[in-house]
Amino acid sequence: QVNLAESGGGSVQTGGSLRLSCRASGLNMNAKCMGWFRQFPGNEDREAVAMIYMYLGGGDTSYADSVKGRFTISQDYAKDTVYLQMDSLKPEDTAMYFCAARKPYGGMCPEFSYEYNNWGQGTQVTVDS
């Protein structure tokens, strides 16, 4: 059974920083996709924020255009953990952030939430103007 344990999140002022962590257990795969989606208030959809294709010795990253240059995703392969460093936060970043994981498909990490079957419980990020 896969479990994704998230930590971090909270409330900050505009321009502030937060760091999210997600530790996986039970994935049991050498290469994996792990990353973050977010869900805005009143919206059922989850949009991809940042993803990392994790493998021993490296990781390939991808970002939503809205967070490029502000957010950084990184990994600790040995601990099956990913981190999302969020800098220069804006009020429009306010959302529930969810960690997701799955096996890569076609050598890539899918970008849509319905393609993921392992999810964390979510952590709230609030950015005050």
Protein backbone atom coordinates (compact mmCIF):
# COMPACT_ATOMS: atom_id res chain seq x y z
CA GLN A 1 0.00 0.00 0.00
CA VAL A 2 1.34 3.40 -1.02
CA ASN A 3 1.30 6.24 1.47
CA LEU A 4 2.28 9.84 0.75
CA ALA A 5 2.97 11.91 3.85
CA GLU A 6 3.00 15.66 3.29
CA SER A 7 4.31 18.39 5.51
CA GLY A 8 4.82 22.12 5.25
CA GLY A 9 2.33 24.67 4.05
CA GLY A 10 0.77 27.45 6.07
CA SER A 11 0.13 31.17 5.72
CA VAL A 12 2.57 33.79 4.48
CA GLN A 13 2.56 37.33 3.19
CA THR A 14 2.96 38.13 -0.49
CA GLY A 15 6.56 37.64 -1.51
CA GLY A 16 7.21 35.11 1.23
CA SER A 17 8.42 31.53 1.00
CA LEU A 18 7.23 28.11 2.03
CA ARG A 19 8.60 24.60 1.65
CA LEU A 20 6.50 21.50 1.17
CA SER A 21 7.74 17.95 1.70
CA CYS A 22 6.27 14.66 0.60
CA ARG A 23 7.65 11.32 1.72
CA ALA A 24 6.46 8.17 -0.01
CA SER A 25 6.31 4.68 1.35
CA GLY A 26 5.34 1.53 -0.48
CA LEU A 27 6.11 2.77 -4.01
CA ASN A 28 8.62 -0.02 -4.67
CA MET A 29 9.78 1.17 -8.07
CA ASN A 30 13.19 2.32 -9.29
CA ALA A 31 11.89 5.15 -11.43
CA LYS A 32 8.88 7.15 -10.36
CA CYS A 33 6.99 10.35 -10.93
CA MET A 34 6.39 12.44 -7.84
CA GLY A 35 5.17 15.97 -7.62
CA TRP A 36 2.53 18.47 -6.68
CA PHE A 37 -0.89 19.47 -7.86
CA ARG A 38 -3.03 22.24 -6.44
CA GLN A 39 -6.74 22.77 -6.13
CA PHE A 40 -8.21 26.25 -5.89
CA PRO A 41 -11.19 27.06 -3.64
CA GLY A 42 -14.48 26.14 -5.25
CA ASN A 43 -12.78 24.18 -8.03
CA GLU A 44 -12.88 20.40 -8.29
CA ASP A 45 -9.97 20.20 -10.74
CA ARG A 46 -6.36 19.86 -9.69
CA GLU A 47 -3.68 21.50 -11.79
CA ALA A 48 -0.11 20.32 -12.04
CA VAL A 49 2.38 22.59 -10.31
CA ALA A 50 5.70 20.75 -10.48
CA MET A 51 6.76 17.21 -11.21
CA ILE A 52 9.99 15.28 -11.02
CA TYR A 53 10.88 12.07 -12.83
CA MET A 54 12.95 10.40 -10.16
CA TYR A 55 15.63 7.84 -10.90
CA LEU A 56 18.88 6.80 -9.29
CA GLY A 57 21.45 9.44 -10.06
CA GLY A 58 19.15 12.17 -11.28
CA GLY A 59 15.75 13.65 -11.82
CA ASP A 60 13.99 15.49 -14.62
CA THR A 61 11.73 18.36 -13.60
CA SER A 62 8.77 20.14 -15.12
CA TYR A 63 6.80 23.17 -13.97
CA ALA A 64 3.58 24.97 -14.69
CA ASP A 65 4.24 28.25 -16.50
CA SER A 66 2.67 30.16 -13.61
CA VAL A 67 5.33 29.00 -11.14
CA LYS A 68 8.47 28.83 -13.31
CA GLY A 69 11.29 30.81 -11.76
CA ARG A 70 9.55 30.92 -8.37
CA PHE A 71 9.09 27.27 -7.38
CA THR A 72 11.75 24.57 -7.27
CA ILE A 73 11.12 20.86 -6.94
CA SER A 74 13.89 18.60 -5.70
CA GLN A 75 14.29 15.03 -4.54
CA ASP A 76 15.99 12.80 -2.04
CA TYR A 77 15.93 9.53 -3.96
CA ALA A 78 17.14 7.43 -1.04
CA LYS A 79 14.31 8.70 1.16
CA ASP A 80 11.63 8.63 -1.55
CA THR A 81 10.98 12.25 -0.72
CA VAL A 82 10.31 15.32 -2.83
CA TYR A 83 10.43 18.94 -1.78
CA LEU A 84 8.74 21.99 -3.24
CA GLN A 85 10.46 25.25 -2.43
CA MET A 86 8.03 28.07 -3.11
CA ASP A 87 9.46 31.59 -3.27
CA SER A 88 7.99 34.94 -4.24
CA LEU A 89 4.55 33.66 -3.34
CA LYS A 90 1.51 35.49 -4.68
CA PRO A 91 -2.11 35.56 -3.48
CA GLU A 92 -3.06 33.55 -6.58
CA ASP A 93 -0.91 30.69 -5.27
CA THR A 94 -3.43 30.21 -2.48
CA ALA A 95 -4.74 26.65 -2.80
CA MET A 96 -4.71 23.18 -1.34
CA TYR A 97 -1.54 21.45 -2.49
CA PHE A 98 -1.53 17.70 -3.02
CA CYS A 99 1.40 15.36 -3.45
CA ALA A 100 0.97 12.70 -6.15
CA ALA A 101 2.99 9.74 -7.33
CA ARG A 102 2.92 7.02 -9.97
CA LYS A 103 5.07 4.90 -12.25
CA PRO A 104 6.32 6.77 -15.32
CA TYR A 105 4.42 6.14 -18.55
CA GLY A 106 6.22 6.11 -21.87
CA GLY A 107 9.33 7.48 -20.20
CA MET A 108 7.48 10.56 -19.03
CA CYS A 109 5.48 11.88 -16.12
CA PRO A 110 1.83 12.50 -17.02
CA GLU A 111 0.56 16.02 -16.46
CA PHE A 112 -3.10 15.49 -15.62
CA SER A 113 -4.45 14.64 -12.19
CA TYR A 114 -6.68 11.81 -13.42
CA GLU A 115 -3.54 9.95 -14.48
CA TYR A 116 -2.35 9.63 -10.88
CA ASN A 117 -3.61 7.04 -8.46
CA ASN A 118 -1.57 7.83 -5.37
CA TRP A 119 -2.32 11.00 -3.43
CA GLY A 120 -1.45 12.69 -0.19
CA GLN A 121 -4.04 14.23 2.09
CA GLY A 122 -3.29 17.78 0.98
CA THR A 123 -1.79 20.78 2.73
CA GLN A 124 -3.17 24.32 2.64
CA VAL A 125 -1.08 27.20 1.36
CA THR A 126 -2.47 30.68 1.95
CA VAL A 127 -0.80 33.84 0.69
CA ASP A 128 -2.11 37.09 2.12
CA SER A 129 -1.97 40.28 0.10
